[in-house]
PDB file of N, CA and C in Angstrom:
ATOM      1  N   ASP A   1       3.016  11.785 -14.374  1.00  0.00           N
ATOM      2  CA  ASP A   1       3.978  12.809 -13.973  1.00  0.00           C
ATOM      3  C   ASP A   1       3.407  14.235 -14.220  1.00  0.00           C
ATOM      4  N   LYS A   2       2.527  14.349 -15.122  1.00  0.00           N
ATOM      5  CA  LYS A   2       1.923  15.678 -15.407  1.00  0.00           C
ATOM      6  C   LYS A   2       1.192  16.238 -14.210  1.00  0.00           C
ATOM      7  N   ALA A   3       0.379  15.356 -13.589  1.00  0.00           N
ATOM      8  CA  ALA A   3      -0.403  15.820 -12.418  1.00  0.00           C
ATOM      9  C   ALA A   3       0.553  16.147 -11.253  1.00  0.00           C
ATOM     10  N   ILE A   4       1.618  15.342 -11.075  1.00  0.00           N
ATOM     11  CA  ILE A   4       2.537  15.558  -9.977  1.00  0.00           C
ATOM     12  C   ILE A   4       3.255  16.935 -10.225  1.00  0.00           C
ATOM     13  N   ASN A   5       3.594  17.182 -11.426  1.00  0.00           N
ATOM     14  CA  ASN A   5       4.265  18.477 -11.788  1.00  0.00           C
ATOM     15  C   ASN A   5       3.395  19.653 -11.413  1.00  0.00           C
ATOM     16  N   LEU A   6       2.037  19.478 -11.648  1.00  0.00           N
ATOM     17  CA  LEU A   6       1.085  20.604 -11.370  1.00  0.00           C
ATOM     18  C   LEU A   6       0.882  20.708  -9.845  1.00  0.00           C
ATOM     19  N   ASP A   7       0.846  19.602  -9.134  1.00  0.00           N
ATOM     20  CA  ASP A   7       0.588  19.660  -7.684  1.00  0.00           C
ATOM     21  C   ASP A   7       1.457  18.580  -7.031  1.00  0.00           C
ATOM     22  N   PRO A   8       2.748  18.871  -6.793  1.00  0.00           N
ATOM     23  CA  PRO A   8       3.646  17.819  -6.221  1.00  0.00           C
ATOM     24  C   PRO A   8       3.382  17.443  -4.772  1.00  0.00           C
ATOM     25  N   ASN A   9       2.490  18.147  -4.101  1.00  0.00           N
ATOM     26  CA  ASN A   9       2.183  17.887  -2.723  1.00  0.00           C
ATOM     27  C   ASN A   9       0.891  17.096  -2.554  1.00  0.00           C
ATOM     28  N   ASN A  10       0.344  16.609  -3.660  1.00  0.00           N
ATOM     29  CA  ASN A  10      -0.850  15.836  -3.638  1.00  0.00           C
ATOM     30  C   ASN A  10      -0.514  14.341  -3.562  1.00  0.00           C
ATOM     31  N   PRO A  11      -0.720  13.693  -2.362  1.00  0.00           N
ATOM     32  CA  PRO A  11      -0.317  12.352  -2.222  1.00  0.00           C
ATOM     33  C   PRO A  11      -1.078  11.376  -3.173  1.00  0.00           C
ATOM     34  N   LEU A  12      -2.269  11.699  -3.536  1.00  0.00           N
ATOM     35  CA  LEU A  12      -3.034  10.799  -4.430  1.00  0.00           C
ATOM     36  C   LEU A  12      -2.345  10.708  -5.747  1.00  0.00           C
ATOM     37  N   TYR A  13      -1.770  11.737  -6.272  1.00  0.00           N
ATOM     38  CA  TYR A  13      -1.067  11.670  -7.566  1.00  0.00           C
ATOM     39  C   TYR A  13       0.149  10.756  -7.494  1.00  0.00           C
ATOM     40  N   HIS A  14       0.851  10.799  -6.395  1.00  0.00           N
ATOM     41  CA  HIS A  14       2.013   9.911  -6.263  1.00  0.00           C
ATOM     42  C   HIS A  14       1.562   8.437  -6.118  1.00  0.00           C
ATOM     43  N   ASN A  15       0.461   8.214  -5.355  1.00  0.00           N
ATOM     44  CA  ASN A  15      -0.072   6.894  -5.230  1.00  0.00           C
ATOM     45  C   ASN A  15      -0.517   6.363  -6.565  1.00  0.00           C
ATOM     46  N   ASN A  16      -1.220   7.191  -7.334  1.00  0.00           N
ATOM     47  CA  ASN A  16      -1.691   6.815  -8.644  1.00  0.00           C
ATOM     48  C   ASN A  16      -0.559   6.382  -9.624  1.00  0.00           C
ATOM     49  N   LYS A  17       0.585   7.183  -9.447  1.00  0.00           N
ATOM     50  CA  LYS A  17       1.794   6.862 -10.196  1.00  0.00           C
ATOM     51  C   LYS A  17       2.231   5.443  -9.802  1.00  0.00           C
ATOM     52  N   GLY A  18       2.238   5.187  -8.510  1.00  0.00           N
ATOM     53  CA  GLY A  18       2.641   3.889  -8.022  1.00  0.00           C
ATOM     54  C   GLY A  18       1.802   2.773  -8.615  1.00  0.00           C
ATOM     55  N   VAL A  19       0.492   3.004  -8.673  1.00  0.00           N
ATOM     56  CA  VAL A  19      -0.456   2.013  -9.214  1.00  0.00           C
ATOM     57  C   VAL A  19      -0.055   1.769 -10.703  1.00  0.00           C
ATOM     58  N   ALA A  20       0.136   2.823 -11.438  1.00  0.00           N
ATOM     59  CA  ALA A  20       0.444   2.659 -12.846  1.00  0.00           C
ATOM     60  C   ALA A  20       1.754   1.977 -13.026  1.00  0.00           C
ATOM     61  N   LEU A  21       2.789   2.264 -12.253  1.00  0.00           N
ATOM     62  CA  LEU A  21       4.111   1.630 -12.414  1.00  0.00           C
ATOM     63  C   LEU A  21       3.972   0.170 -11.998  1.00  0.00           C
ATOM     64  N   ARG A  22       3.105  -0.140 -11.092  1.00  0.00           N
ATOM     65  CA  ARG A  22       2.918  -1.565 -10.706  1.00  0.00           C
ATOM     66  C   ARG A  22       2.381  -2.363 -11.863  1.00  0.00           C
ATOM     67  N   LYS A  23       1.426  -1.807 -12.598  1.00  0.00           N
ATOM     68  CA  LYS A  23       0.850  -2.447 -13.706  1.00  0.00           C
ATOM     69  C   LYS A  23       1.946  -2.688 -14.832  1.00  0.00           C
ATOM     70  N   LEU A  24       2.957  -1.909 -14.841  1.00  0.00           N
ATOM     71  CA  LEU A  24       4.056  -2.051 -15.772  1.00  0.00           C
ATOM     72  C   LEU A  24       5.187  -2.947 -15.239  1.00  0.00           C
ATOM     73  N   ASN A  25       4.948  -3.528 -14.022  1.00  0.00           N
ATOM     74  CA  ASN A  25       5.869  -4.330 -13.351  1.00  0.00           C
ATOM     75  C   ASN A  25       7.151  -3.634 -12.969  1.00  0.00           C
ATOM     76  N   ARG A  26       7.043  -2.307 -12.778  1.00  0.00           N
ATOM     77  CA  ARG A  26       8.169  -1.501 -12.343  1.00  0.00           C
ATOM     78  C   ARG A  26       8.083  -1.215 -10.889  1.00  0.00           C
ATOM     79  N   PHE A  27       8.244  -2.305 -10.097  1.00  0.00           N
ATOM     80  CA  PHE A  27       7.911  -2.302  -8.674  1.00  0.00           C
ATOM     81  C   PHE A  27       8.811  -1.379  -7.859  1.00  0.00           C
ATOM     82  N   LYS A  28      10.069  -1.299  -8.066  1.00  0.00           N
ATOM     83  CA  LYS A  28      10.917  -0.462  -7.280  1.00  0.00           C
ATOM     84  C   LYS A  28      10.522   1.017  -7.503  1.00  0.00           C
ATOM     85  N   GLU A  29      10.307   1.373  -8.757  1.00  0.00           N
ATOM     86  CA  GLU A  29       9.842   2.773  -9.009  1.00  0.00           C
ATOM     87  C   GLU A  29       8.455   3.032  -8.369  1.00  0.00           C
ATOM     88  N   ALA A  30       7.591   2.037  -8.392  1.00  0.00           N
ATOM     89  CA  ALA A  30       6.307   2.191  -7.759  1.00  0.00           C
ATOM     90  C   ALA A  30       6.411   2.382  -6.218  1.00  0.00           C
ATOM     91  N   ILE A  31       7.337   1.660  -5.657  1.00  0.00           N
ATOM     92  CA  ILE A  31       7.603   1.808  -4.215  1.00  0.00           C
ATOM     93  C   ILE A  31       8.022   3.274  -3.909  1.00  0.00           C
ATOM     94  N   GLU A  32       8.876   3.832  -4.742  1.00  0.00           N
ATOM     95  CA  GLU A  32       9.355   5.146  -4.539  1.00  0.00           C
ATOM     96  C   GLU A  32       8.179   6.121  -4.569  1.00  0.00           C
ATOM     97  N   ALA A  33       7.250   5.881  -5.563  1.00  0.00           N
ATOM     98  CA  ALA A  33       6.110   6.820  -5.668  1.00  0.00           C
ATOM     99  C   ALA A  33       5.232   6.714  -4.520  1.00  0.00           C
ATOM    100  N   VAL A  34       4.985   5.474  -4.024  1.00  0.00           N
ATOM    101  CA  VAL A  34       4.091   5.319  -2.888  1.00  0.00           C
ATOM    102  C   VAL A  34       4.722   5.817  -1.570  1.00  0.00           C
ATOM    103  N   LEU A  35       6.040   5.681  -1.502  1.00  0.00           N
ATOM    104  CA  LEU A  35       6.760   6.342  -0.335  1.00  0.00           C
ATOM    105  C   LEU A  35       6.560   7.827  -0.307  1.00  0.00           C
ATOM    106  N   MET A  36       6.518   8.462  -1.492  1.00  0.00           N
ATOM    107  CA  MET A  36       6.280   9.867  -1.472  1.00  0.00           C
ATOM    108  C   MET A  36       4.850  10.166  -1.048  1.00  0.00           C
ATOM    109  N   ALA A  37       3.904   9.362  -1.463  1.00  0.00           N
ATOM    110  CA  ALA A  37       2.473   9.496  -1.006  1.00  0.00           C
ATOM    111  C   ALA A  37       2.423   9.346   0.491  1.00  0.00           C
ATOM    112  N   LEU A  38       3.151   8.371   1.053  1.00  0.00           N
ATOM    113  CA  LEU A  38       3.115   8.157   2.504  1.00  0.00           C
ATOM    114  C   LEU A  38       3.834   9.307   3.221  1.00  0.00           C
ATOM    115  N   PHE A  39       4.818   9.886   2.620  1.00  0.00           N
ATOM    116  CA  PHE A  39       5.520  11.066   3.214  1.00  0.00           C
ATOM    117  C   PHE A  39       4.550  12.237   3.350  1.00  0.00           C
ATOM    118  N   LEU A  40       3.730  12.403   2.269  1.00  0.00           N
ATOM    119  CA  LEU A  40       2.725  13.497   2.197  1.00  0.00           C
ATOM    120  C   LEU A  40       1.539  13.233   3.056  1.00  0.00           C
ATOM    121  N   SER A  41       1.190  11.988   3.194  1.00  0.00           N
ATOM    122  CA  SER A  41       0.010  11.565   4.001  1.00  0.00           C
ATOM    123  C   SER A  41       0.347  10.355   4.857  1.00  0.00           C
ATOM    124  N   PRO A  42       1.112  10.614   5.938  1.00  0.00           N
ATOM    125  CA  PRO A  42       1.644   9.507   6.738  1.00  0.00           C
ATOM    126  C   PRO A  42       0.494   8.633   7.332  1.00  0.00           C
ATOM    127  N   GLY A  43       0.684   7.357   7.173  1.00  0.00           N
ATOM    128  CA  GLY A  43      -0.233   6.404   7.832  1.00  0.00           C
ATOM    129  C   GLY A  43      -1.518   6.130   6.995  1.00  0.00           C
ATOM    130  N   ASP A  44      -1.649   6.706   5.812  1.00  0.00           N
ATOM    131  CA  ASP A  44      -2.834   6.475   5.031  1.00  0.00           C
ATOM    132  C   ASP A  44      -2.954   4.974   4.742  1.00  0.00           C
ATOM    133  N   PRO A  45      -4.056   4.345   5.157  1.00  0.00           N
ATOM    134  CA  PRO A  45      -4.192   2.926   5.027  1.00  0.00           C
ATOM    135  C   PRO A  45      -4.096   2.422   3.576  1.00  0.00           C
ATOM    136  N   SER A  46      -4.702   3.096   2.623  1.00  0.00           N
ATOM    137  CA  SER A  46      -4.681   2.603   1.237  1.00  0.00           C
ATOM    138  C   SER A  46      -3.295   2.691   0.679  1.00  0.00           C
ATOM    139  N   TYR A  47      -2.495   3.692   1.072  1.00  0.00           N
ATOM    140  CA  TYR A  47      -1.112   3.830   0.562  1.00  0.00           C
ATOM    141  C   TYR A  47      -0.276   2.737   1.230  1.00  0.00           C
ATOM    142  N   LEU A  48      -0.467   2.485   2.506  1.00  0.00           N
ATOM    143  CA  LEU A  48       0.290   1.415   3.189  1.00  0.00           C
ATOM    144  C   LEU A  48      -0.002   0.033   2.599  1.00  0.00           C
ATOM    145  N   ILE A  49      -1.274  -0.221   2.259  1.00  0.00           N
ATOM    146  CA  ILE A  49      -1.606  -1.476   1.652  1.00  0.00           C
ATOM    147  C   ILE A  49      -0.897  -1.659   0.274  1.00  0.00           C
ATOM    148  N   LEU A  50      -0.934  -0.630  -0.504  1.00  0.00           N
ATOM    149  CA  LEU A  50      -0.239  -0.713  -1.779  1.00  0.00           C
ATOM    150  C   LEU A  50       1.258  -0.919  -1.590  1.00  0.00           C
ATOM    151  N   TYR A  51       1.801  -0.189  -0.607  1.00  0.00           N
ATOM    152  CA  TYR A  51       3.196  -0.371  -0.287  1.00  0.00           C
ATOM    153  C   TYR A  51       3.519  -1.802   0.053  1.00  0.00           C
ATOM    154  N   ALA A  52       2.725  -2.400   0.850  1.00  0.00           N
ATOM    155  CA  ALA A  52       2.979  -3.786   1.285  1.00  0.00           C
ATOM    156  C   ALA A  52       2.767  -4.753   0.068  1.00  0.00           C
ATOM    157  N   GLU A  53       1.807  -4.452  -0.789  1.00  0.00           N
ATOM    158  CA  GLU A  53       1.622  -5.285  -1.963  1.00  0.00           C
ATOM    159  C   GLU A  53       2.791  -5.245  -2.871  1.00  0.00           C
ATOM    160  N   LEU A  54       3.382  -4.077  -3.033  1.00  0.00           N
ATOM    161  CA  LEU A  54       4.562  -3.879  -3.893  1.00  0.00           C
ATOM    162  C   LEU A  54       5.734  -4.669  -3.402  1.00  0.00           C
ATOM    163  N   TRP A  55       5.919  -4.670  -2.045  1.00  0.00           N
ATOM    164  CA  TRP A  55       7.010  -5.473  -1.484  1.00  0.00           C
ATOM    165  C   TRP A  55       6.753  -6.952  -1.736  1.00  0.00           C
ATOM    166  N   ALA A  56       5.505  -7.375  -1.588  1.00  0.00           N
ATOM    167  CA  ALA A  56       5.168  -8.772  -1.847  1.00  0.00           C
ATOM    168  C   ALA A  56       5.420  -9.121  -3.358  1.00  0.00           C
ATOM    169  N   ASP A  57       5.164  -8.141  -4.252  1.00  0.00           N
ATOM    170  CA  ASP A  57       5.468  -8.367  -5.679  1.00  0.00           C
ATOM    171  C   ASP A  57       6.957  -8.637  -5.891  1.00  0.00           C
ATOM    172  N   LEU A  58       7.768  -8.026  -4.969  1.00  0.00           N
ATOM    173  CA  LEU A  58       9.248  -8.237  -5.063  1.00  0.00           C
ATOM    174  C   LEU A  58       9.704  -9.420  -4.195  1.00  0.00           C
ATOM    175  N   ASP A  59       8.757 -10.234  -3.719  1.00  0.00           N
ATOM    176  CA  ASP A  59       9.057 -11.374  -2.882  1.00  0.00           C
ATOM    177  C   ASP A  59       9.712 -11.022  -1.592  1.00  0.00           C
ATOM    178  N   SER A  60       9.384  -9.846  -1.043  1.00  0.00           N
ATOM    179  CA  SER A  60       9.865  -9.373   0.204  1.00  0.00           C
ATOM    180  C   SER A  60       8.762  -8.787   1.038  1.00  0.00           C
ATOM    181  N   PRO A  61       7.700  -9.622   1.296  1.00  0.00           N
ATOM    182  CA  PRO A  61       6.522  -9.086   2.017  1.00  0.00           C
ATOM    183  C   PRO A  61       6.757  -8.579   3.376  1.00  0.00           C
ATOM    184  N   LYS A  62       7.788  -9.024   4.062  1.00  0.00           N
ATOM    185  CA  LYS A  62       8.032  -8.590   5.386  1.00  0.00           C
ATOM    186  C   LYS A  62       8.414  -7.108   5.485  1.00  0.00           C
ATOM    187  N   ASN A  63       8.968  -6.559   4.414  1.00  0.00           N
ATOM    188  CA  ASN A  63       9.298  -5.145   4.369  1.00  0.00           C
ATOM    189  C   ASN A  63       7.998  -4.324   4.458  1.00  0.00           C
ATOM    190  N   GLY A  64       7.013  -4.661   3.711  1.00  0.00           N
ATOM    191  CA  GLY A  64       5.745  -3.960   3.721  1.00  0.00           C
ATOM    192  C   GLY A  64       4.999  -4.114   5.023  1.00  0.00           C
ATOM    193  N   ILE A  65       4.984  -5.328   5.569  1.00  0.00           N
ATOM    194  CA  ILE A  65       4.339  -5.681   6.815  1.00  0.00           C
ATOM    195  C   ILE A  65       4.984  -4.858   7.941  1.00  0.00           C
ATOM    196  N   SER A  66       6.302  -4.794   7.912  1.00  0.00           N
ATOM    197  CA  SER A  66       7.026  -4.053   8.911  1.00  0.00           C
ATOM    198  C   SER A  66       6.652  -2.528   8.912  1.00  0.00           C
ATOM    199  N   GLU A  67       6.545  -1.977   7.713  1.00  0.00           N
ATOM    200  CA  GLU A  67       6.127  -0.541   7.620  1.00  0.00           C
ATOM    201  C   GLU A  67       4.715  -0.352   8.134  1.00  0.00           C
ATOM    202  N   ILE A  68       3.846  -1.266   7.924  1.00  0.00           N
ATOM    203  CA  ILE A  68       2.478  -1.128   8.440  1.00  0.00           C
ATOM    204  C   ILE A  68       2.514  -1.234   9.966  1.00  0.00           C
ATOM    205  N   ASN A  69       3.216  -2.215  10.497  1.00  0.00           N
ATOM    206  CA  ASN A  69       3.364  -2.337  11.949  1.00  0.00           C
ATOM    207  C   ASN A  69       3.965  -1.149  12.575  1.00  0.00           C
ATOM    208  N   ASP A  70       4.980  -0.531  11.952  1.00  0.00           N
ATOM    209  CA  ASP A  70       5.587   0.705  12.473  1.00  0.00           C
ATOM    210  C   ASP A  70       4.574   1.837  12.469  1.00  0.00           C
ATOM    211  N   SER A  71       3.849   1.941  11.414  1.00  0.00           N
ATOM    212  CA  SER A  71       2.840   2.996  11.313  1.00  0.00           C
ATOM    213  C   SER A  71       1.807   2.871  12.344  1.00  0.00           C
ATOM    214  N   ILE A  72       1.331   1.631  12.626  1.00  0.00           N
ATOM    215  CA  ILE A  72       0.347   1.397  13.703  1.00  0.00           C
ATOM    216  C   ILE A  72       0.964   1.728  15.083  1.00  0.00           C
ATOM    217  N   ALA A  73       2.150   1.223  15.302  1.00  0.00           N
ATOM    218  CA  ALA A  73       2.822   1.431  16.631  1.00  0.00           C
ATOM    219  C   ALA A  73       3.035   2.938  16.914  1.00  0.00           C
ATOM    220  N   SER A  74       3.305   3.667  15.852  1.00  0.00           N
ATOM    221  CA  SER A  74       3.583   5.071  16.055  1.00  0.00           C
ATOM    222  C   SER A  74       2.307   5.896  16.202  1.00  0.00           C
ATOM    223  N   GLY A  75       1.152   5.311  15.962  1.00  0.00           N
ATOM    224  CA  GLY A  75      -0.135   5.967  16.067  1.00  0.00           C
ATOM    225  C   GLY A  75      -0.541   6.723  14.764  1.00  0.00           C
ATOM    226  N   LYS A  76       0.213   6.563  13.694  1.00  0.00           N
ATOM    227  CA  LYS A  76      -0.151   7.219  12.424  1.00  0.00           C
ATOM    228  C   LYS A  76      -1.325   6.497  11.781  1.00  0.00           C
ATOM    229  N   THR A  77      -1.444   5.164  12.036  1.00  0.00           N
ATOM    230  CA  THR A  77      -2.465   4.383  11.395  1.00  0.00           C
ATOM    231  C   THR A  77      -3.274   3.629  12.411  1.00  0.00           C
ATOM    232  N   ASP A  78      -4.616   3.652  12.213  1.00  0.00           N
ATOM    233  CA  ASP A  78      -5.518   2.961  13.067  1.00  0.00           C
ATOM    234  C   ASP A  78      -5.670   1.494  12.525  1.00  0.00           C
ATOM    235  N   ARG A  79      -5.303   0.519  13.314  1.00  0.00           N
ATOM    236  CA  ARG A  79      -5.406  -0.930  12.852  1.00  0.00           C
ATOM    237  C   ARG A  79      -6.746  -1.295  12.352  1.00  0.00           C
ATOM    238  N   LYS A  80      -7.795  -0.877  13.063  1.00  0.00           N
ATOM    239  CA  LYS A  80      -9.171  -1.203  12.619  1.00  0.00           C
ATOM    240  C   LYS A  80      -9.492  -0.610  11.286  1.00  0.00           C
ATOM    241  N   GLU A  81      -9.146   0.654  11.082  1.00  0.00           N
ATOM    242  CA  GLU A  81      -9.392   1.291   9.789  1.00  0.00           C
ATOM    243  C   GLU A  81      -8.583   0.648   8.673  1.00  0.00           C
ATOM    244  N   LEU A  82      -7.358   0.248   8.913  1.00  0.00           N
ATOM    245  CA  LEU A  82      -6.546  -0.433   7.919  1.00  0.00           C
ATOM    246  C   LEU A  82      -7.149  -1.806   7.569  1.00  0.00           C
ATOM    247  N   CYS A  83      -7.637  -2.542   8.577  1.00  0.00           N
ATOM    248  CA  CYS A  83      -8.196  -3.843   8.346  1.00  0.00           C
ATOM    249  C   CYS A  83      -9.501  -3.709   7.585  1.00  0.00           C
ATOM    250  N   GLU A  84     -10.282  -2.668   7.776  1.00  0.00           N
ATOM    251  CA  GLU A  84     -11.458  -2.472   7.034  1.00  0.00           C
ATOM    252  C   GLU A  84     -11.166  -2.118   5.584  1.00  0.00           C
ATOM    253  N   GLU A  85     -10.051  -1.362   5.412  1.00  0.00           N
ATOM    254  CA  GLU A  85      -9.601  -1.056   4.040  1.00  0.00           C
ATOM    255  C   GLU A  85      -9.192  -2.339   3.276  1.00  0.00           C
ATOM    256  N   ILE A  86      -8.467  -3.173   3.998  1.00  0.00           N
ATOM    257  CA  ILE A  86      -8.086  -4.505   3.365  1.00  0.00           C
ATOM    258  C   ILE A  86      -9.299  -5.244   3.026  1.00  0.00           C
ATOM    259  N   ASP A  87     -10.303  -5.322   3.857  1.00  0.00           N
ATOM    260  CA  ASP A  87     -11.542  -5.984   3.525  1.00  0.00           C
ATOM    261  C   ASP A  87     -12.211  -5.468   2.324  1.00  0.00           C
ATOM    262  N   ASN A  88     -12.212  -4.125   2.266  1.00  0.00           N
ATOM    263  CA  ASN A  88     -12.829  -3.438   1.051  1.00  0.00           C
ATOM    264  C   ASN A  88     -12.010  -3.806  -0.211  1.00  0.00           C
ATOM    265  N   GLU A  89     -10.737  -3.869  -0.088  1.00  0.00           N
ATOM    266  CA  GLU A  89      -9.933  -4.225  -1.278  1.00  0.00           C
ATOM    267  C   GLU A  89     -10.204  -5.733  -1.712  1.00  0.00           C
ATOM    268  N   LEU A  90     -10.353  -6.551  -0.719  1.00  0.00           N
ATOM    269  CA  LEU A  90     -10.665  -8.012  -1.014  1.00  0.00           C
ATOM    270  C   LEU A  90     -12.013  -8.230  -1.681  1.00  0.00           C
ATOM    271  N   LYS A  91     -12.927  -7.299  -1.564  1.00  0.00           N
ATOM    272  CA  LYS A  91     -14.213  -7.367  -2.172  1.00  0.00           C
ATOM    273  C   LYS A  91     -14.204  -6.998  -3.648  1.00  0.00           C
ATOM    274  N   LYS A  92     -13.174  -6.403  -4.082  1.00  0.00           N
ATOM    275  CA  LYS A  92     -13.104  -5.953  -5.491  1.00  0.00           C
ATOM    276  C   LYS A  92     -13.135  -7.203  -6.427  1.00  0.00           C
ATOM    277  N   GLU A  93     -13.917  -7.156  -7.400  1.00  0.00           N
ATOM    278  CA  GLU A  93     -14.110  -8.321  -8.262  1.00  0.00           C
ATOM    279  C   GLU A  93     -12.970  -8.377  -9.371  1.00  0.00           C
ATOM    280  N   ASP A  94     -12.152  -7.360  -9.537  1.00  0.00           N
ATOM    281  CA  ASP A  94     -11.167  -7.430 -10.556  1.00  0.00           C
ATOM    282  C   ASP A  94      -9.826  -7.902 -10.038  1.00  0.00           C
ATOM    283  N   LEU A  95      -9.724  -8.382  -8.833  1.00  0.00           N
ATOM    284  CA  LEU A  95      -8.461  -8.886  -8.239  1.00  0.00           C
ATOM    285  C   LEU A  95      -8.164 -10.253  -8.862  1.00  0.00           C
ATOM    286  N   ASN A  96      -6.902 -10.503  -9.151  1.00  0.00           N
ATOM    287  CA  ASN A  96      -6.519 -11.845  -9.563  1.00  0.00           C
ATOM    288  C   ASN A  96      -6.174 -12.657  -8.373  1.00  0.00           C
ATOM    289  N   GLU A  97      -5.832 -13.928  -8.512  1.00  0.00           N
ATOM    290  CA  GLU A  97      -5.634 -14.777  -7.434  1.00  0.00           C
ATOM    291  C   GLU A  97      -4.381 -14.408  -6.626  1.00  0.00           C
ATOM    292  N   LYS A  98      -3.357 -13.932  -7.297  1.00  0.00           N
ATOM    293  CA  LYS A  98      -2.135 -13.568  -6.615  1.00  0.00           C
ATOM    294  C   LYS A  98      -2.448 -12.285  -5.698  1.00  0.00           C
ATOM    295  N   GLU A  99      -3.196 -11.311  -6.246  1.00  0.00           N
ATOM    296  CA  GLU A  99      -3.539 -10.109  -5.500  1.00  0.00           C
ATOM    297  C   GLU A  99      -4.373 -10.512  -4.269  1.00  0.00           C
ATOM    298  N   LYS A 100      -5.340 -11.416  -4.441  1.00  0.00           N
ATOM    299  CA  LYS A 100      -6.121 -11.880  -3.300  1.00  0.00           C
ATOM    300  C   LYS A 100      -5.257 -12.523  -2.228  1.00  0.00           C
ATOM    301  N   LYS A 101      -4.372 -13.339  -2.675  1.00  0.00           N
ATOM    302  CA  LYS A 101      -3.449 -13.983  -1.726  1.00  0.00           C
ATOM    303  C   LYS A 101      -2.602 -12.988  -1.000  1.00  0.00           C
ATOM    304  N   VAL A 102      -1.987 -12.041  -1.670  1.00  0.00           N
ATOM    305  CA  VAL A 102      -1.180 -11.051  -1.001  1.00  0.00           C
ATOM    306  C   VAL A 102      -1.996 -10.273   0.037  1.00  0.00           C
ATOM    307  N   LEU A 103      -3.174  -9.817  -0.393  1.00  0.00           N
ATOM    308  CA  LEU A 103      -4.000  -9.086   0.565  1.00  0.00           C
ATOM    309  C   LEU A 103      -4.423  -9.958   1.736  1.00  0.00           C
ATOM    310  N   SER A 104      -4.748 -11.160   1.457  1.00  0.00           N
ATOM    311  CA  SER A 104      -5.102 -12.118   2.561  1.00  0.00           C
ATOM    312  C   SER A 104      -3.939 -12.316   3.515  1.00  0.00           C
ATOM    313  N   ASP A 105      -2.742 -12.462   2.954  1.00  0.00           N
ATOM    314  CA  ASP A 105      -1.545 -12.608   3.803  1.00  0.00           C
ATOM    315  C   ASP A 105      -1.335 -11.362   4.703  1.00  0.00           C
ATOM    316  N   ILE A 106      -1.474 -10.191   4.072  1.00  0.00           N
ATOM    317  CA  ILE A 106      -1.365  -8.928   4.832  1.00  0.00           C
ATOM    318  C   ILE A 106      -2.371  -8.886   5.959  1.00  0.00           C
ATOM    319  N   LYS A 107      -3.599  -9.276   5.600  1.00  0.00           N
ATOM    320  CA  LYS A 107      -4.694  -9.216   6.573  1.00  0.00           C
ATOM    321  C   LYS A 107      -4.357 -10.181   7.750  1.00  0.00           C
ATOM    322  N   ASN A 108      -3.945 -11.375   7.412  1.00  0.00           N
ATOM    323  CA  ASN A 108      -3.624 -12.344   8.458  1.00  0.00           C
ATOM    324  C   ASN A 108      -2.505 -11.810   9.396  1.00  0.00           C
ATOM    325  N   GLU A 109      -1.511 -11.256   8.789  1.00  0.00           N
ATOM    326  CA  GLU A 109      -0.313 -10.761   9.535  1.00  0.00           C
ATOM    327  C   GLU A 109      -0.710  -9.556  10.441  1.00  0.00           C
ATOM    328  N   ILE A 110      -1.477  -8.645   9.904  1.00  0.00           N
ATOM    329  CA  ILE A 110      -1.794  -7.444  10.623  1.00  0.00           C
ATOM    330  C   ILE A 110      -3.058  -7.482  11.431  1.00  0.00           C
ATOM    331  N   CYS A 111      -4.122  -8.036  10.854  1.00  0.00           N
ATOM    332  CA  CYS A 111      -5.426  -7.943  11.501  1.00  0.00           C
ATOM    333  C   CYS A 111      -5.761  -9.187  12.389  1.00  0.00           C
ATOM    334  N   VAL A 112      -5.238 -10.348  12.002  1.00  0.00           N
ATOM    335  CA  VAL A 112      -5.546 -11.589  12.757  1.00  0.00           C
ATOM    336  C   VAL A 112      -4.450 -11.830  13.776  1.00  0.00           C
ATOM    337  N   ASN A 113      -3.218 -11.831  13.308  1.00  0.00           N
ATOM    338  CA  ASN A 113      -2.086 -12.166  14.206  1.00  0.00           C
ATOM    339  C   ASN A 113      -1.559 -10.939  14.933  1.00  0.00           C
ATOM    340  N   GLY A 114      -1.823  -9.716  14.418  1.00  0.00           N
ATOM    341  CA  GLY A 114      -1.305  -8.513  15.007  1.00  0.00           C
ATOM    342  C   GLY A 114      -2.056  -8.189  16.182  1.00  0.00           C
TER     343      GLY A 114
END
């Protein structure tokens, strides 16, 4: 919150807050933080991916997928760029099995079936 107070218009700070809240299993608060990041940087692939992951954490993955599809349809997000970002995320060695599955599900829904 300190960084956000210093620069409330920096989307990265809001996204980082979302990441921290996710680690604390405070998913609804994390979604709010990531929504602010998306408000400040509409269509950012990494923020959209985190948003979708958070909805999956709440057992409502369709909400996140829907937001991604809306962002692609409106032209805010490039599908290819988003799919490349998902591939980069999947290459991270510190992902647990649940995180890999969520990312793979998002990839299948957006990049393969979309």
